[in-house]
C-alpha atoms as a PDB file:
ATOM      1  CA  MET A   1     -15.054  -5.845  14.973  1.00  0.00           C
ATOM      2  CA  THR A   2     -18.669  -5.536  14.077  1.00  0.00           C
ATOM      3  CA  PHE A   3     -19.813  -5.633  10.385  1.00  0.00           C
ATOM      4  CA  ASP A   4     -22.858  -3.974   9.259  1.00  0.00           C
ATOM      5  CA  TYR A   5     -25.608  -5.451   6.796  1.00  0.00           C
ATOM      6  CA  PHE A   6     -25.953  -4.990   3.304  1.00  0.00           C
ATOM      7  CA  TYR A   7     -28.996  -2.777   3.071  1.00  0.00           C
ATOM      8  CA  GLY A   8     -30.725  -1.672  -0.786  1.00  0.00           C
ATOM      9  CA  THR A   9     -28.658  -1.123  -3.541  1.00  0.00           C
ATOM     10  CA  ARG A  10     -25.520  -1.357  -1.685  1.00  0.00           C
ATOM     11  CA  ALA A  11     -25.750  -4.743  -2.115  1.00  0.00           C
ATOM     12  CA  ASP A  12     -24.912  -4.118  -5.666  1.00  0.00           C
ATOM     13  CA  GLN A  13     -21.794  -2.273  -4.838  1.00  0.00           C
ATOM     14  CA  TYR A  14     -19.047  -4.658  -5.173  1.00  0.00           C
ATOM     15  CA  SER A  15     -17.104  -6.256  -8.129  1.00  0.00           C
ATOM     16  CA  PHE A  16     -16.333  -9.992  -8.018  1.00  0.00           C
ATOM     17  CA  ILE A  17     -13.549 -12.092  -8.967  1.00  0.00           C
ATOM     18  CA  ARG A  18     -15.076 -15.487 -10.473  1.00  0.00           C
ATOM     19  CA  VAL A  19     -13.218 -18.544  -9.908  1.00  0.00           C
ATOM     20  CA  PRO A  20     -14.409 -21.675 -12.167  1.00  0.00           C
ATOM     21  CA  LYS A  21     -16.173 -23.989  -9.414  1.00  0.00           C
ATOM     22  CA  LEU A  22     -14.401 -27.192 -11.190  1.00  0.00           C
ATOM     23  CA  LEU A  23     -11.057 -25.741  -9.866  1.00  0.00           C
ATOM     24  CA  ILE A  24     -12.232 -25.550  -6.809  1.00  0.00           C
ATOM     25  CA  THR A  25     -13.895 -29.263  -6.798  1.00  0.00           C
ATOM     26  CA  GLY A  26     -11.894 -30.966  -9.330  1.00  0.00           C
ATOM     27  CA  LYS A  27      -9.666 -33.682  -8.939  1.00  0.00           C
ATOM     28  CA  GLU A  28      -7.314 -32.849 -11.807  1.00  0.00           C
ATOM     29  CA  PHE A  29      -6.941 -29.578 -10.079  1.00  0.00           C
ATOM     30  CA  SER A  30      -6.593 -30.386  -6.476  1.00  0.00           C
ATOM     31  CA  SER A  31      -2.591 -29.890  -6.677  1.00  0.00           C
ATOM     32  CA  LEU A  32      -3.517 -26.171  -7.402  1.00  0.00           C
ATOM     33  CA  THR A  33      -2.827 -23.940  -4.583  1.00  0.00           C
ATOM     34  CA  ILE A  34      -5.747 -21.951  -3.391  1.00  0.00           C
ATOM     35  CA  GLN A  35      -3.581 -18.756  -4.730  1.00  0.00           C
ATOM     36  CA  ALA A  36      -3.369 -20.325  -8.183  1.00  0.00           C
ATOM     37  CA  LYS A  37      -6.968 -20.959  -8.325  1.00  0.00           C
ATOM     38  CA  MET A  38      -7.242 -16.992  -7.473  1.00  0.00           C
ATOM     39  CA  LEU A  39      -4.814 -16.041  -9.809  1.00  0.00           C
ATOM     40  CA  TYR A  40      -6.693 -17.708 -12.740  1.00  0.00           C
ATOM     41  CA  GLY A  41      -9.818 -16.267 -11.475  1.00  0.00           C
ATOM     42  CA  LEU A  42      -8.396 -12.826 -11.661  1.00  0.00           C
ATOM     43  CA  LEU A  43      -6.630 -13.495 -15.554  1.00  0.00           C
ATOM     44  CA  LEU A  44      -9.990 -14.685 -16.668  1.00  0.00           C
ATOM     45  CA  ASP A  45     -11.468 -11.111 -15.262  1.00  0.00           C
ATOM     46  CA  ARG A  46      -8.322  -9.077 -17.119  1.00  0.00           C
ATOM     47  CA  MET A  47      -9.851 -10.998 -20.291  1.00  0.00           C
ATOM     48  CA  GLY A  48     -12.884  -8.720 -20.333  1.00  0.00           C
ATOM     49  CA  MET A  49     -10.333  -5.837 -20.531  1.00  0.00           C
ATOM     50  CA  SER A  50      -8.528  -7.966 -23.206  1.00  0.00           C
ATOM     51  CA  ILE A  51     -11.733  -8.030 -25.338  1.00  0.00           C
ATOM     52  CA  LYS A  52     -12.424  -4.223 -25.150  1.00  0.00           C
ATOM     53  CA  ASN A  53      -8.917  -3.148 -26.061  1.00  0.00           C
ATOM     54  CA  LYS A  54      -8.850  -5.859 -28.996  1.00  0.00           C
ATOM     55  CA  TRP A  55      -6.071  -7.652 -27.792  1.00  0.00           C
ATOM     56  CA  LEU A  56      -5.801 -10.768 -30.241  1.00  0.00           C
ATOM     57  CA  ASP A  57      -2.877 -12.161 -31.792  1.00  0.00           C
ATOM     58  CA  GLN A  58      -3.014 -13.682 -35.421  1.00  0.00           C
ATOM     59  CA  GLU A  59      -4.441 -16.536 -34.629  1.00  0.00           C
ATOM     60  CA  ASN A  60      -7.438 -14.537 -33.085  1.00  0.00           C
ATOM     61  CA  ARG A  61      -6.698 -15.918 -29.570  1.00  0.00           C
ATOM     62  CA  VAL A  62      -6.930 -13.246 -26.738  1.00  0.00           C
ATOM     63  CA  TYR A  63      -3.943 -12.665 -24.647  1.00  0.00           C
ATOM     64  CA  VAL A  64      -3.748 -10.622 -21.060  1.00  0.00           C
ATOM     65  CA  ILE A  65      -1.256  -8.214 -20.528  1.00  0.00           C
ATOM     66  CA  TYR A  66      -1.129  -8.706 -16.317  1.00  0.00           C
ATOM     67  CA  PRO A  67       2.403  -7.442 -15.202  1.00  0.00           C
ATOM     68  CA  ILE A  68       4.111  -9.271 -12.348  1.00  0.00           C
ATOM     69  CA  LYS A  69       3.981  -5.916 -10.194  1.00  0.00           C
ATOM     70  CA  GLU A  70       0.355  -5.667 -10.750  1.00  0.00           C
ATOM     71  CA  ILE A  71      -0.170  -9.267  -9.630  1.00  0.00           C
ATOM     72  CA  GLN A  72       1.777  -8.757  -6.990  1.00  0.00           C
ATOM     73  CA  GLN A  73      -0.533  -5.519  -5.916  1.00  0.00           C
ATOM     74  CA  ASP A  74      -3.539  -7.089  -6.296  1.00  0.00           C
ATOM     75  CA  MET A  75      -3.037 -10.214  -4.235  1.00  0.00           C
ATOM     76  CA  ASN A  76      -0.639  -8.463  -1.667  1.00  0.00           C
ATOM     77  CA  ILE A  77       2.123 -10.994  -2.187  1.00  0.00           C
ATOM     78  CA  THR A  78       6.147 -10.637  -2.969  1.00  0.00           C
ATOM     79  CA  LYS A  79       7.371 -10.287  -6.401  1.00  0.00           C
ATOM     80  CA  LYS A  80       9.002 -14.114  -6.020  1.00  0.00           C
ATOM     81  CA  LYS A  81       5.632 -15.304  -5.069  1.00  0.00           C
ATOM     82  CA  ALA A  82       3.897 -13.938  -8.078  1.00  0.00           C
ATOM     83  CA  MET A  83       6.382 -15.604 -10.406  1.00  0.00           C
ATOM     84  CA  GLU A  84       5.969 -18.822  -8.665  1.00  0.00           C
ATOM     85  CA  ILE A  85       2.355 -18.729  -8.590  1.00  0.00           C
ATOM     86  CA  LEU A  86       1.940 -17.702 -12.157  1.00  0.00           C
ATOM     87  CA  ALA A  87       4.496 -20.353 -12.976  1.00  0.00           C
ATOM     88  CA  GLU A  88       2.490 -23.203 -11.098  1.00  0.00           C
ATOM     89  CA  LEU A  89      -0.442 -22.131 -13.536  1.00  0.00           C
ATOM     90  CA  GLU A  90       1.589 -22.149 -16.336  1.00  0.00           C
ATOM     91  CA  GLU A  91       3.104 -25.777 -15.207  1.00  0.00           C
ATOM     92  CA  LYS A  92      -0.474 -27.024 -15.523  1.00  0.00           C
ATOM     93  CA  GLY A  93      -0.994 -25.877 -18.284  1.00  0.00           C
ATOM     94  CA  LEU A  94      -3.707 -23.775 -17.813  1.00  0.00           C
ATOM     95  CA  VAL A  95      -1.348 -20.417 -19.186  1.00  0.00           C
ATOM     96  CA  GLU A  96       1.176 -19.728 -21.530  1.00  0.00           C
ATOM     97  CA  LYS A  97       3.364 -16.688 -21.309  1.00  0.00           C
ATOM     98  CA  GLN A  98       4.833 -14.872 -24.389  1.00  0.00           C
ATOM     99  CA  ILE A  99       7.942 -13.360 -23.551  1.00  0.00           C
ATOM    100  CA  ARG A 100       8.400 -10.160 -25.429  1.00  0.00           C
ATOM    101  CA  GLY A 101      11.362  -8.529 -23.730  1.00  0.00           C
ATOM    102  CA  SER A 102      12.853  -4.803 -24.100  1.00  0.00           C
ATOM    103  CA  GLY A 103      11.246  -4.454 -20.736  1.00  0.00           C
ATOM    104  CA  MET A 104       7.691  -4.984 -22.155  1.00  0.00           C
ATOM    105  CA  PRO A 105       5.287  -7.161 -20.265  1.00  0.00           C
ATOM    106  CA  ASN A 106       4.563 -10.697 -21.448  1.00  0.00           C
ATOM    107  CA  LEU A 107       1.458 -11.518 -23.033  1.00  0.00           C
ATOM    108  CA  ILE A 108      -0.467 -14.215 -20.929  1.00  0.00           C
ATOM    109  CA  TYR A 109      -2.623 -16.568 -22.604  1.00  0.00           C
ATOM    110  CA  ILE A 110      -5.184 -18.116 -20.660  1.00  0.00           C
ATOM    111  CA  LYS A 111      -6.080 -21.962 -21.426  1.00  0.00           C
ATOM    112  CA  GLN A 112      -9.684 -23.285 -20.977  1.00  0.00           C
ATOM    113  CA  PHE A 113      -9.549 -25.413 -18.064  1.00  0.00           C
ATOM    114  CA  ILE A 114     -12.009 -28.046 -19.716  1.00  0.00           C
ATOM    115  CA  ALA A 115     -10.332 -30.001 -22.225  1.00  0.00           C
ATOM    116  CA  ALA A 116     -11.514 -29.806 -25.994  1.00  0.00           C
END
């Protein structure tokens, strides 16, 4: 397969997922899988939507709603794998889930990766 070049304004046609460099290069994150780092980037991207929707809790903390089914679709993985990757981020302390029950999607709090 031969890929074409970007020309003119087409160079700005894609949106990108930003993954903090420290997650890739930092020794404290070396145990995280690349998939977990990518999911963290997707979660950071989702925060923009959360802010637009004013998804803040009583303590003014931003949360993300990102159902497992959407993670599966976005990352092209199974439900089991999506849950494993999210659990990996939870174990590392980078996200915290608030389970709501009654068929409602969980709230996901994204933690800052640099200790305060």
